[in-house]
Amino acid sequence: MTEHTEKDVLMKYTKCSYEEEVPRWLIDELFSNEPEENYMMHCPECDHKMIVKK
């Protein structure tokens, strides 16, 4: 049996210290034509923006 490993993107929040891994498939659906450095979501902890952690 072959195990499938799903890739994640580590996102960090600009206002608080919260970090979260977001599944790559979700990022691809939300930002299909955007380069990775432009990915942005909202933090569930502080409702501020989150960006890709480099």
C-alpha atoms as a PDB file:
ATOM      1  CA  MET A   1       0.000   0.000   0.000  1.00  0.00           C
ATOM      2  CA  THR A   2       1.330   3.418  -0.949  1.00  0.00           C
ATOM      3  CA  GLU A   3       0.904   6.182   1.578  1.00  0.00           C
ATOM      4  CA  HIS A   4      -0.110   9.578   0.233  1.00  0.00           C
ATOM      5  CA  THR A   5       1.580  12.530   1.869  1.00  0.00           C
ATOM      6  CA  GLU A   6      -0.252  15.772   1.545  1.00  0.00           C
ATOM      7  CA  LYS A   7       1.836  18.912   1.417  1.00  0.00           C
ATOM      8  CA  ASP A   8       1.058  21.810   3.714  1.00  0.00           C
ATOM      9  CA  VAL A   9       1.918  25.488   3.690  1.00  0.00           C
ATOM     10  CA  LEU A  10       2.952  26.998   7.013  1.00  0.00           C
ATOM     11  CA  MET A  11       1.111  30.265   7.537  1.00  0.00           C
ATOM     12  CA  LYS A  12       1.893  32.829  10.239  1.00  0.00           C
ATOM     13  CA  TYR A  13      -0.210  35.659  11.532  1.00  0.00           C
ATOM     14  CA  THR A  14       1.024  39.217  11.393  1.00  0.00           C
ATOM     15  CA  LYS A  15      -0.513  40.433  14.650  1.00  0.00           C
ATOM     16  CA  CYS A  16      -0.369  37.459  17.033  1.00  0.00           C
ATOM     17  CA  SER A  17       2.108  34.581  17.242  1.00  0.00           C
ATOM     18  CA  TYR A  18      -0.328  31.942  15.979  1.00  0.00           C
ATOM     19  CA  GLU A  19       0.929  29.649  13.190  1.00  0.00           C
ATOM     20  CA  GLU A  20      -0.952  26.990  11.281  1.00  0.00           C
ATOM     21  CA  GLU A  21      -0.266  24.486   8.521  1.00  0.00           C
ATOM     22  CA  VAL A  22      -2.799  24.850   5.709  1.00  0.00           C
ATOM     23  CA  PRO A  23      -3.262  21.995   3.224  1.00  0.00           C
ATOM     24  CA  ARG A  24      -1.775  22.757  -0.185  1.00  0.00           C
ATOM     25  CA  TRP A  25      -4.997  21.659  -1.976  1.00  0.00           C
ATOM     26  CA  LEU A  26      -6.954  24.326  -0.094  1.00  0.00           C
ATOM     27  CA  ILE A  27      -4.413  27.015  -0.958  1.00  0.00           C
ATOM     28  CA  ASP A  28      -4.514  25.936  -4.609  1.00  0.00           C
ATOM     29  CA  GLU A  29      -8.294  26.288  -4.686  1.00  0.00           C
ATOM     30  CA  LEU A  30      -8.331  29.687  -3.006  1.00  0.00           C
ATOM     31  CA  PHE A  31      -5.359  31.159  -4.838  1.00  0.00           C
ATOM     32  CA  SER A  32      -5.221  29.288  -8.123  1.00  0.00           C
ATOM     33  CA  ASN A  33      -3.478  32.063 -10.081  1.00  0.00           C
ATOM     34  CA  GLU A  34      -1.494  33.772  -7.333  1.00  0.00           C
ATOM     35  CA  PRO A  35       2.194  33.295  -6.485  1.00  0.00           C
ATOM     36  CA  GLU A  36       2.812  31.843  -3.016  1.00  0.00           C
ATOM     37  CA  GLU A  37       4.131  35.119  -1.563  1.00  0.00           C
ATOM     38  CA  ASN A  38       0.677  36.687  -2.131  1.00  0.00           C
ATOM     39  CA  TYR A  39      -1.318  34.102  -0.155  1.00  0.00           C
ATOM     40  CA  MET A  40      -3.283  35.751   2.638  1.00  0.00           C
ATOM     41  CA  MET A  41      -5.999  34.488   5.001  1.00  0.00           C
ATOM     42  CA  HIS A  42      -7.541  35.649   8.282  1.00  0.00           C
ATOM     43  CA  CYS A  43      -6.395  34.429  11.662  1.00  0.00           C
ATOM     44  CA  PRO A  44      -9.010  32.495  13.692  1.00  0.00           C
ATOM     45  CA  GLU A  45      -7.387  33.807  16.893  1.00  0.00           C
ATOM     46  CA  CYS A  46      -7.073  37.560  16.286  1.00  0.00           C
ATOM     47  CA  ASP A  47      -8.958  38.100  12.989  1.00  0.00           C
ATOM     48  CA  HIS A  48      -5.929  39.782  11.476  1.00  0.00           C
ATOM     49  CA  LYS A  49      -4.218  38.665   8.263  1.00  0.00           C
ATOM     50  CA  MET A  50      -1.972  35.631   7.978  1.00  0.00           C
ATOM     51  CA  ILE A  51       0.761  35.179   5.390  1.00  0.00           C
ATOM     52  CA  VAL A  52       3.140  32.422   4.272  1.00  0.00           C
ATOM     53  CA  LYS A  53       5.939  31.872   6.778  1.00  0.00           C
ATOM     54  CA  LYS A  54       9.316  32.011   5.102  1.00  0.00           C
END
